[in-house]
C-alpha atoms as a PDB file:
ATOM      1  CA  MET A   1       4.519 -14.246  10.409  1.00  0.00           C
ATOM      2  CA  GLU A   2       4.556 -10.963   8.538  1.00  0.00           C
ATOM      3  CA  LYS A   3       7.805  -9.865   6.961  1.00  0.00           C
ATOM      4  CA  LYS A   4       8.948  -6.498   8.288  1.00  0.00           C
ATOM      5  CA  SER A   5      10.151  -3.963   5.777  1.00  0.00           C
ATOM      6  CA  SER A   6      13.252  -1.875   5.978  1.00  0.00           C
ATOM      7  CA  GLY A   7      12.910   1.882   6.135  1.00  0.00           C
ATOM      8  CA  ASN A   8      10.635   4.164   8.065  1.00  0.00           C
ATOM      9  CA  VAL A   9       6.980   4.768   7.325  1.00  0.00           C
ATOM     10  CA  LEU A  10       7.643   8.042   5.479  1.00  0.00           C
ATOM     11  CA  ASP A  11      10.138   6.348   3.154  1.00  0.00           C
ATOM     12  CA  LEU A  12       7.686   3.531   2.496  1.00  0.00           C
ATOM     13  CA  ALA A  13       4.846   5.977   1.891  1.00  0.00           C
ATOM     14  CA  ALA A  14       7.052   7.830  -0.594  1.00  0.00           C
ATOM     15  CA  ARG A  15       7.737   4.552  -2.404  1.00  0.00           C
ATOM     16  CA  PHE A  16       4.010   3.865  -2.529  1.00  0.00           C
ATOM     17  CA  ASN A  17       3.264   7.355  -3.847  1.00  0.00           C
ATOM     18  CA  ARG A  18       5.861   7.049  -6.631  1.00  0.00           C
ATOM     19  CA  VAL A  19       4.107   3.911  -7.859  1.00  0.00           C
ATOM     20  CA  TYR A  20       0.589   5.249  -7.284  1.00  0.00           C
ATOM     21  CA  VAL A  21       1.004   8.496  -9.254  1.00  0.00           C
ATOM     22  CA  ASN A  22       2.222   6.537 -12.285  1.00  0.00           C
ATOM     23  CA  LEU A  23      -0.800   4.226 -12.365  1.00  0.00           C
ATOM     24  CA  PRO A  24      -3.522   4.869 -14.937  1.00  0.00           C
ATOM     25  CA  LEU A  25      -6.659   6.268 -13.288  1.00  0.00           C
ATOM     26  CA  GLU A  26      -8.696   3.131 -13.967  1.00  0.00           C
ATOM     27  CA  GLU A  27      -5.978   0.895 -12.487  1.00  0.00           C
ATOM     28  CA  ARG A  28      -6.226   2.745  -9.171  1.00  0.00           C
ATOM     29  CA  LYS A  29      -9.716   1.282  -8.701  1.00  0.00           C
ATOM     30  CA  GLN A  30      -8.397  -2.280  -9.014  1.00  0.00           C
ATOM     31  CA  VAL A  31      -7.688  -4.550  -6.057  1.00  0.00           C
ATOM     32  CA  VAL A  32      -4.003  -4.648  -5.199  1.00  0.00           C
ATOM     33  CA  LEU A  33      -4.201  -6.997  -2.193  1.00  0.00           C
ATOM     34  CA  VAL A  34      -6.602  -8.619   0.253  1.00  0.00           C
ATOM     35  CA  ILE A  35      -6.407  -8.197   4.021  1.00  0.00           C
ATOM     36  CA  GLY A  36      -8.682 -10.393   6.126  1.00  0.00           C
ATOM     37  CA  ASN A  37     -11.052 -11.169   3.244  1.00  0.00           C
ATOM     38  CA  GLU A  38     -11.347  -7.438   2.470  1.00  0.00           C
ATOM     39  CA  PRO A  39     -10.146  -6.348  -0.965  1.00  0.00           C
ATOM     40  CA  ILE A  40      -7.922  -3.266  -0.913  1.00  0.00           C
ATOM     41  CA  SER A  41      -7.758  -1.116  -4.042  1.00  0.00           C
ATOM     42  CA  TRP A  42      -4.946   1.286  -4.805  1.00  0.00           C
ATOM     43  CA  ASP A  43      -7.295   4.159  -3.907  1.00  0.00           C
ATOM     44  CA  VAL A  44      -8.179   2.650  -0.521  1.00  0.00           C
ATOM     45  CA  ALA A  45      -4.508   1.934   0.133  1.00  0.00           C
ATOM     46  CA  ARG A  46      -3.631   5.568  -0.647  1.00  0.00           C
ATOM     47  CA  VAL A  47      -6.195   6.896   1.837  1.00  0.00           C
ATOM     48  CA  GLU A  48      -5.081   4.521   4.597  1.00  0.00           C
ATOM     49  CA  ILE A  49      -1.407   5.302   4.015  1.00  0.00           C
ATOM     50  CA  ALA A  50      -1.984   9.064   3.778  1.00  0.00           C
ATOM     51  CA  ASN A  51      -3.869   9.000   7.090  1.00  0.00           C
ATOM     52  CA  ASN A  52      -1.072   6.948   8.696  1.00  0.00           C
ATOM     53  CA  THR A  53      -3.488   4.327  10.030  1.00  0.00           C
ATOM     54  CA  ALA A  54      -2.545   0.946  11.455  1.00  0.00           C
ATOM     55  CA  ARG A  55      -4.133  -0.646   8.397  1.00  0.00           C
ATOM     56  CA  GLY A  56      -2.060   1.670   6.212  1.00  0.00           C
ATOM     57  CA  ASN A  57       1.093   0.326   7.841  1.00  0.00           C
ATOM     58  CA  ILE A  58      -0.071  -3.243   7.233  1.00  0.00           C
ATOM     59  CA  ILE A  59      -0.782  -2.377   3.598  1.00  0.00           C
ATOM     60  CA  LEU A  60       2.672  -0.836   3.150  1.00  0.00           C
ATOM     61  CA  ASN A  61       4.397  -3.855   4.677  1.00  0.00           C
ATOM     62  CA  LYS A  62       2.434  -6.298   2.519  1.00  0.00           C
ATOM     63  CA  LEU A  63       3.099  -4.321  -0.670  1.00  0.00           C
ATOM     64  CA  ILE A  64       6.827  -4.348   0.166  1.00  0.00           C
ATOM     65  CA  ALA A  65       6.802  -8.068   1.006  1.00  0.00           C
ATOM     66  CA  LEU A  66       5.091  -8.817  -2.325  1.00  0.00           C
ATOM     67  CA  ASN A  67       7.594  -6.600  -4.213  1.00  0.00           C
ATOM     68  CA  ILE A  68       4.756  -4.479  -5.559  1.00  0.00           C
ATOM     69  CA  ILE A  69       6.364  -1.251  -4.405  1.00  0.00           C
END
């Protein structure tokens, strides 16, 4: 069962963005997590989160659960 995060999506997206903007450019290309055998880089995560997709919400919740953001 997936752990639900506290806070609304905009707050979580802001947390993600604070981490993302401080990453070196090359690090943004690296895989940050895997969802259903699909590697998700920081760049892919940013696009999904910025577009407020269902996958973006899953990414945010997983990054919170893993204490990455």
